[in-house]
Amino acid sequence: MVLATTPALRFPGPETQVGWRGAAGKLILGLGLMALAACDLGPVLPASKPQARPAGLMPEPPVTSPSPSPRSEALARYYARVQADLLAQGLLRTGGGGVDTPYTDTDLLRNFETIAFYDEYAQGGGFRRASGSTSGGLRKWTSPVRMAVEFGAHVPVGQQEADRATVRQYAARLARVTLHPISADSADPNFHVLFMSEDDRAQAVARVKQIVPGISASALSLFRDMPRSIHCLVVAFSARDNDYSYRRAIAFIRSEHPDLMRRSCVHEELAQGLGLANDSPRARPSIFNDDDEFALLTTHDEELLRLLYNPALTPGMSADEARPIAQRILSGRLGPV
């Protein structure tokens, strides 16, 4: 989840819309040493002088990341304060909802329409909010989603392992929920998850250009000019022959975030990159809400993803066309209609 600032953006043309031995063993070891001492027959001289270890057998030096710049360190302190403040207010919940957050099928249908058919940010308008007055067509992936994680040079190695595991586990959950083929650690990815620090900004921009040759200046500026208020983002690109079918996505997650906020970014950005592009103040319990109450995907949000990837709802459908189908799906919970 993106804490009130997680855009999923949509662009006209080929680009479109836009995630934490005991003491007994010591005693046995001591007795063994005593037995060896009792059998000591005196020192044994080596047959030859010790030889230096060949260079090729020398252990590899530990892999380390460059030290962060003062700017990156300041960002890390800032986001740590943000997380601490939110937790102190009882926000960033991780339980997925509960008895205090009931919702009905009517709530689900309303929230689905708002989140799936409207954009959070204006097309081609950078980080300018959309008016919310015009709905668009349903957007989703029709081909398998192949995710891969990449890291900036300044992301600590230990943090990389944790983030890679988060994405792998979450991708498996998304696949179970949607029944759509979604995988992680792909050698041929079409959904790129970039964990980058402020010091890796130039690397990130260069990598985005490689992933999307010919990317528009407005789309590229999102990655180059992210203000501190934008914690993470995702940009999804449509297929050339279908503006409503995704073919590629790039999620950008700041590595300066503390653990829970990074996981929150993964959860929201990857779900938004599947087609749930908007936020709604009425969605609860949900990560698609700028109130920061929930950090991780909720049971309510799983329902939205199941709806979105039900085969009866196809890319390009309007809200009016999808509404009766979604009603039947929710009332029956029996799968496709």
Protein backbone atom coordinates (compact mmCIF):
# COMPACT_ATOMS: atom_id res chain seq x y z
CA MET A 1 0.00 0.00 0.00
CA VAL A 2 1.26 3.41 -0.70
CA LEU A 3 0.26 5.54 2.19
CA ALA A 4 -1.81 8.15 0.44
CA THR A 5 0.58 8.54 -2.47
CA THR A 6 0.66 5.45 -4.65
CA PRO A 7 -0.14 6.28 -8.25
CA ALA A 8 -1.12 3.78 -10.84
CA LEU A 9 -1.02 5.82 -14.01
CA ARG A 10 -2.48 5.57 -17.46
CA PHE A 11 -1.14 7.10 -20.62
CA PRO A 12 -2.71 7.43 -24.04
CA GLY A 13 -1.51 5.46 -27.02
CA PRO A 14 0.61 2.36 -26.53
CA GLU A 15 1.12 3.16 -22.86
CA THR A 16 -1.63 2.81 -20.36
CA GLN A 17 -2.37 2.62 -16.76
CA VAL A 18 -0.77 2.39 -14.42
CA GLY A 19 3.36 -3.23 -3.65
CA TRP A 20 9.03 -9.05 6.57
CA ARG A 21 22.88 -24.98 21.41
CA GLY A 22 22.82 -26.02 24.61
CA ALA A 23 25.26 -26.83 27.44
CA ALA A 24 25.09 -30.59 26.73
CA GLY A 25 26.76 -30.04 23.40
CA LYS A 26 29.55 -28.12 25.07
CA LEU A 27 30.07 -30.93 27.61
CA ILE A 28 30.33 -33.57 24.90
CA LEU A 29 32.87 -31.44 23.06
CA GLY A 30 34.91 -31.02 26.26
CA LEU A 31 35.01 -34.78 26.92
CA GLY A 32 36.19 -35.41 23.38
CA LEU A 33 39.07 -33.00 23.82
CA MET A 34 40.04 -34.68 27.11
CA ALA A 35 40.16 -38.10 25.39
CA LEU A 36 42.41 -36.74 22.68
CA ALA A 37 44.71 -35.21 25.29
CA ALA A 38 45.05 -38.56 27.10
CA CYS A 39 46.27 -40.13 23.84
CA ASP A 40 48.77 -37.37 23.07
CA LEU A 41 52.05 -38.92 21.89
CA GLY A 42 53.85 -35.63 21.52
CA PRO A 43 54.04 -33.07 18.77
CA VAL A 44 54.00 -34.21 15.16
CA LEU A 45 56.13 -32.15 12.82
CA PRO A 46 54.72 -31.39 9.38
CA ALA A 47 56.35 -33.23 6.49
CA SER A 48 56.80 -29.96 4.59
CA LYS A 49 56.45 -26.25 5.12
CA PRO A 50 52.95 -24.77 4.81
CA GLN A 51 52.30 -23.43 1.33
CA ALA A 52 50.39 -20.30 0.44
CA ARG A 53 46.86 -20.94 -0.83
CA PRO A 54 46.65 -20.55 -4.62
CA ALA A 55 45.00 -17.31 -5.65
CA GLY A 56 42.18 -19.17 -7.37
CA LEU A 57 41.19 -20.86 -4.11
CA MET A 58 41.04 -17.68 -2.08
CA PRO A 59 37.52 -17.01 -0.70
CA GLU A 60 35.54 -14.34 -2.49
CA PRO A 61 35.30 -11.08 -0.56
CA PRO A 62 31.84 -10.45 0.90
CA VAL A 63 29.47 -8.59 -1.38
CA THR A 64 28.67 -5.15 -0.03
CA SER A 65 26.69 -2.19 -1.29
CA PRO A 66 28.07 1.34 -1.53
CA SER A 67 27.42 3.54 1.47
CA PRO A 68 24.28 5.66 1.13
CA SER A 69 24.54 9.36 0.48
CA PRO A 70 23.38 11.90 3.10
CA ARG A 71 20.25 12.47 1.00
CA SER A 72 19.39 8.77 1.01
CA GLU A 73 20.07 8.51 4.75
CA ALA A 74 17.80 11.49 5.37
CA LEU A 75 15.02 9.83 3.36
CA ALA A 76 15.41 6.62 5.36
CA ARG A 77 15.06 8.56 8.62
CA TYR A 78 12.03 10.41 7.29
CA TYR A 79 10.19 7.25 6.19
CA ALA A 80 11.06 5.56 9.49
CA ARG A 81 9.30 8.45 11.27
CA VAL A 82 6.32 8.17 8.91
CA GLN A 83 5.93 4.46 9.68
CA ALA A 84 6.33 5.02 13.43
CA ASP A 85 3.68 7.76 13.40
CA LEU A 86 1.21 5.62 11.45
CA LEU A 87 1.71 2.63 13.73
CA ALA A 88 1.26 4.84 16.79
CA GLN A 89 -2.16 5.80 15.38
CA GLY A 90 -3.17 2.16 14.97
CA LEU A 91 -2.77 2.32 11.18
CA LEU A 92 -0.86 0.06 8.77
CA ARG A 93 -2.86 -2.93 9.98
CA THR A 94 -1.71 -6.31 8.67
CA GLY A 95 -4.59 -8.59 9.67
CA GLY A 96 -6.58 -8.32 6.45
CA GLY A 97 -9.74 -7.04 8.14
CA GLY A 98 -11.92 -8.39 10.92
CA VAL A 99 -15.21 -8.11 12.77
CA ASP A 100 -14.74 -4.33 13.00
CA THR A 101 -14.61 -3.98 9.20
CA PRO A 102 -17.67 -5.73 7.75
CA TYR A 103 -18.66 -5.23 4.12
CA THR A 104 -21.48 -6.37 1.89
CA ASP A 105 -21.79 -7.38 -1.75
CA THR A 106 -23.18 -3.92 -2.40
CA ASP A 107 -19.99 -2.43 -0.93
CA LEU A 108 -17.87 -4.72 -3.09
CA LEU A 109 -19.69 -3.85 -6.28
CA ARG A 110 -19.50 -0.12 -5.60
CA ASN A 111 -15.82 -0.27 -4.68
CA PHE A 112 -15.01 -2.48 -7.66
CA GLU A 113 -16.51 0.01 -10.08
CA THR A 114 -14.67 2.94 -8.51
CA ILE A 115 -11.30 1.18 -8.32
CA ALA A 116 -11.34 -0.77 -11.59
CA PHE A 117 -13.00 1.71 -13.96
CA TYR A 118 -11.54 5.04 -12.84
CA ASP A 119 -8.01 6.40 -12.72
CA GLU A 120 -6.31 7.84 -9.66
CA TYR A 121 -4.17 10.19 -11.75
CA ALA A 122 -4.91 12.17 -14.87
CA GLN A 123 -3.70 10.67 -18.14
CA GLY A 124 -0.45 12.35 -19.16
CA GLY A 125 -0.73 14.69 -16.17
CA GLY A 126 2.13 13.37 -14.08
CA PHE A 127 1.11 13.25 -10.44
CA ARG A 128 -1.99 15.40 -10.94
CA ARG A 129 -5.12 13.76 -9.56
CA ALA A 130 -7.83 12.71 -11.98
CA SER A 131 -11.18 14.41 -11.75
CA GLY A 132 -13.00 11.11 -11.20
CA SER A 133 -15.85 12.22 -13.42
CA THR A 134 -15.30 9.83 -16.33
CA SER A 135 -15.00 6.06 -16.17
CA GLY A 136 -12.98 4.03 -18.62
CA GLY A 137 -12.95 0.46 -19.82
CA LEU A 138 -11.95 -2.53 -17.74
CA ARG A 139 -8.19 -3.18 -17.84
CA LYS A 140 -6.39 -6.41 -16.97
CA TRP A 141 -3.77 -8.88 -18.17
CA THR A 142 -4.84 -11.49 -20.69
CA SER A 143 -1.39 -13.08 -20.98
CA PRO A 144 0.63 -14.68 -18.15
CA VAL A 145 2.23 -12.23 -15.74
CA ARG A 146 5.94 -12.93 -15.30
CA MET A 147 7.47 -10.89 -12.49
CA ALA A 148 11.14 -10.29 -11.77
CA VAL A 149 12.86 -8.25 -9.08
CA GLU A 150 15.78 -5.91 -9.74
CA PHE A 151 17.81 -3.90 -7.25
CA GLY A 152 19.78 -0.72 -7.39
CA ALA A 153 23.49 -0.84 -6.62
CA HIS A 154 22.93 0.87 -3.26
CA VAL A 155 20.32 -1.58 -1.91
CA PRO A 156 21.84 -3.61 0.96
CA VAL A 157 22.36 -7.28 0.10
CA GLY A 158 20.50 -8.56 3.17
CA GLN A 159 17.53 -6.37 2.34
CA GLN A 160 17.53 -7.73 -1.20
CA GLU A 161 16.94 -11.27 0.03
CA ALA A 162 13.97 -10.18 2.14
CA ASP A 163 12.43 -8.17 -0.69
CA ARG A 164 12.88 -10.96 -3.21
CA ALA A 165 11.10 -13.38 -0.86
CA THR A 166 8.26 -10.88 -0.33
CA VAL A 167 7.62 -10.58 -4.07
CA ARG A 168 7.87 -14.34 -4.61
CA GLN A 169 5.34 -15.11 -1.87
CA TYR A 170 3.00 -12.35 -2.92
CA ALA A 171 3.05 -13.37 -6.57
CA ALA A 172 2.02 -16.88 -5.53
CA ARG A 173 -0.85 -15.44 -3.49
CA LEU A 174 -2.03 -13.27 -6.37
CA ALA A 175 -2.02 -16.31 -8.65
CA ARG A 176 -4.14 -18.28 -6.17
CA VAL A 177 -6.62 -15.43 -5.79
CA THR A 178 -7.03 -14.50 -9.44
CA LEU A 179 -6.58 -17.99 -10.96
CA HIS A 180 -4.49 -16.16 -13.55
CA PRO A 181 -0.92 -17.34 -14.32
CA ILE A 182 1.32 -15.10 -12.23
CA SER A 183 4.89 -16.11 -11.43
CA ALA A 184 8.03 -14.57 -9.94
CA ASP A 185 11.76 -14.93 -10.67
CA SER A 186 11.09 -15.06 -14.39
CA ALA A 187 13.98 -15.07 -16.84
CA ASP A 188 11.72 -13.34 -19.36
CA PRO A 189 9.73 -10.86 -17.25
CA ASN A 190 6.97 -8.55 -18.37
CA PHE A 191 6.31 -7.12 -14.88
CA HIS A 192 9.49 -5.52 -13.52
CA VAL A 193 9.69 -4.75 -9.79
CA LEU A 194 12.49 -2.25 -9.17
CA PHE A 195 13.77 -1.65 -5.64
CA MET A 196 15.89 1.48 -5.91
CA SER A 197 17.35 4.06 -3.55
CA GLU A 198 17.63 7.78 -4.15
CA ASP A 199 21.25 7.13 -5.10
CA ASP A 200 20.06 4.70 -7.81
CA ARG A 201 17.78 7.18 -9.59
CA ALA A 202 19.96 7.43 -12.70
CA GLN A 203 20.23 3.64 -12.83
CA ALA A 204 16.46 3.34 -12.56
CA VAL A 205 15.81 5.80 -15.38
CA ALA A 206 18.29 4.02 -17.63
CA ARG A 207 16.70 0.67 -16.85
CA VAL A 208 13.20 1.96 -17.59
CA LYS A 209 14.41 3.12 -20.99
CA GLN A 210 15.75 -0.38 -21.67
CA ILE A 211 12.50 -2.04 -20.64
CA VAL A 212 10.31 0.32 -22.67
CA PRO A 213 12.22 1.66 -25.67
CA GLY A 214 10.61 4.84 -26.86
CA ILE A 215 8.84 5.52 -23.58
CA SER A 216 7.22 8.95 -23.57
CA ALA A 217 8.85 11.85 -21.74
CA SER A 218 5.83 12.21 -19.45
CA ALA A 219 6.01 8.58 -18.39
CA LEU A 220 9.79 8.66 -17.91
CA SER A 221 9.54 11.78 -15.75
CA LEU A 222 7.53 9.83 -13.20
CA PHE A 223 10.59 7.73 -12.39
CA ARG A 224 13.09 10.57 -12.73
CA ASP A 225 11.29 13.25 -10.73
CA MET A 226 9.51 11.38 -7.93
CA PRO A 227 8.99 13.73 -4.97
CA ARG A 228 9.39 12.51 -1.40
CA SER A 229 5.61 12.39 -1.02
CA ILE A 230 5.43 9.61 -3.63
CA HIS A 231 6.45 6.47 -1.79
CA CYS A 232 6.22 4.07 -4.73
CA LEU A 233 4.42 3.74 -8.03
CA VAL A 234 3.51 1.41 -10.86
CA VAL A 235 3.08 2.12 -14.56
CA ALA A 236 1.34 -0.43 -16.79
CA PHE A 237 1.53 -0.46 -20.58
CA SER A 238 -1.16 -1.75 -22.87
CA ALA A 239 -0.82 -4.13 -25.79
CA ARG A 240 -0.39 -2.51 -29.19
CA ASP A 241 -3.60 -4.03 -30.50
CA ASN A 242 -5.71 -3.55 -27.37
CA ASP A 243 -5.62 -0.47 -25.14
CA TYR A 244 -7.31 -2.40 -22.33
CA SER A 245 -5.05 -5.47 -22.20
CA TYR A 246 -1.79 -5.04 -20.35
CA ARG A 247 1.45 -6.32 -21.82
CA ARG A 248 4.10 -4.82 -19.50
CA ALA A 249 4.39 -3.07 -16.13
CA ILE A 250 7.11 -1.44 -14.04
CA ALA A 251 6.80 -0.96 -10.28
CA PHE A 252 9.24 1.36 -8.49
CA ILE A 253 9.70 0.92 -4.74
CA ARG A 254 12.00 3.07 -2.63
CA SER A 255 14.56 0.96 -0.79
CA GLU A 256 14.80 3.61 1.97
CA HIS A 257 11.42 2.49 3.34
CA PRO A 258 11.41 0.47 6.57
CA ASP A 259 10.34 -3.16 6.24
CA LEU A 260 6.57 -2.81 6.67
CA MET A 261 6.29 0.14 4.32
CA ARG A 262 8.26 -1.72 1.65
CA ARG A 263 5.95 -4.71 1.98
CA SER A 264 3.00 -2.35 1.83
CA CYS A 265 4.30 -0.87 -1.40
CA VAL A 266 4.73 -4.34 -2.88
CA HIS A 267 1.18 -5.30 -1.99
CA GLU A 268 -0.47 -2.22 -3.41
CA GLU A 269 1.67 -1.59 -6.48
CA LEU A 270 1.61 -5.16 -7.74
CA ALA A 271 -2.16 -5.37 -7.26
CA GLN A 272 -2.68 -2.01 -8.95
CA GLY A 273 -0.47 -3.15 -11.80
CA LEU A 274 -2.93 -6.01 -12.38
CA GLY A 275 -5.73 -3.54 -13.09
CA LEU A 276 -7.08 -2.10 -9.84
CA ALA A 277 -5.83 1.37 -10.63
CA ASN A 278 -7.76 3.71 -8.39
CA ASP A 279 -8.29 4.38 -4.68
CA SER A 280 -11.55 5.03 -2.87
CA PRO A 281 -12.17 6.57 0.57
CA ARG A 282 -15.19 4.25 0.91
CA ALA A 283 -13.22 1.02 0.37
CA ARG A 284 -12.74 -0.75 3.71
CA PRO A 285 -10.98 -2.91 4.69
CA SER A 286 -8.69 -2.16 1.79
CA ILE A 287 -5.25 -1.06 0.67
CA PHE A 288 -6.98 0.85 -2.13
CA ASN A 289 -7.72 3.69 0.25
CA ASP A 290 -5.56 6.69 1.08
CA ASP A 291 -6.32 6.48 4.81
CA ASP A 292 -3.36 4.11 5.42
CA GLU A 293 -5.45 1.93 7.74
CA PHE A 294 -4.31 -1.30 6.09
CA ALA A 295 -0.79 -2.06 4.95
CA LEU A 296 -1.33 -5.41 3.25
CA LEU A 297 -3.88 -6.95 0.91
CA THR A 298 -7.16 -7.65 2.69
CA THR A 299 -9.98 -10.16 2.24
CA HIS A 300 -12.01 -7.37 0.64
CA ASP A 301 -9.21 -6.73 -1.86
CA GLU A 302 -8.99 -10.41 -2.72
CA GLU A 303 -12.68 -10.26 -3.65
CA LEU A 304 -11.95 -7.35 -5.99
CA LEU A 305 -9.14 -9.27 -7.69
CA ARG A 306 -11.35 -12.35 -8.11
CA LEU A 307 -13.97 -10.19 -9.77
CA LEU A 308 -11.47 -8.50 -12.04
CA TYR A 309 -10.03 -11.79 -13.29
CA ASN A 310 -13.30 -13.62 -13.66
CA PRO A 311 -13.34 -14.65 -17.35
CA ALA A 312 -16.83 -13.19 -17.74
CA LEU A 313 -15.39 -9.70 -17.33
CA THR A 314 -13.33 -8.86 -20.38
CA PRO A 315 -10.94 -6.00 -21.18
CA GLY A 316 -12.65 -2.93 -22.55
CA MET A 317 -16.02 -3.52 -20.86
CA SER A 318 -17.68 -0.40 -19.55
CA ALA A 319 -18.91 -0.14 -15.97
CA ASP A 320 -22.50 -0.40 -17.22
CA GLU A 321 -21.73 -3.58 -19.16
CA ALA A 322 -19.82 -5.17 -16.28
CA ARG A 323 -22.24 -4.28 -13.49
CA PRO A 324 -24.92 -6.99 -14.01
CA ILE A 325 -22.25 -9.63 -14.60
CA ALA A 326 -20.40 -8.63 -11.43
CA GLN A 327 -23.69 -8.71 -9.49
CA ARG A 328 -24.37 -12.28 -10.59
CA ILE A 329 -20.82 -13.33 -9.76
CA LEU A 330 -21.04 -11.84 -6.28
CA SER A 331 -24.49 -13.23 -5.57
CA GLY A 332 -23.57 -16.73 -6.69
CA ARG A 333 -19.86 -16.96 -5.81
CA LEU A 334 -19.87 -19.89 -8.24
CA GLY A 335 -17.29 -18.61 -10.68
CA PRO A 336 -17.93 -17.57 -14.26
CA VAL A 337 -21.45 -16.90 -15.43
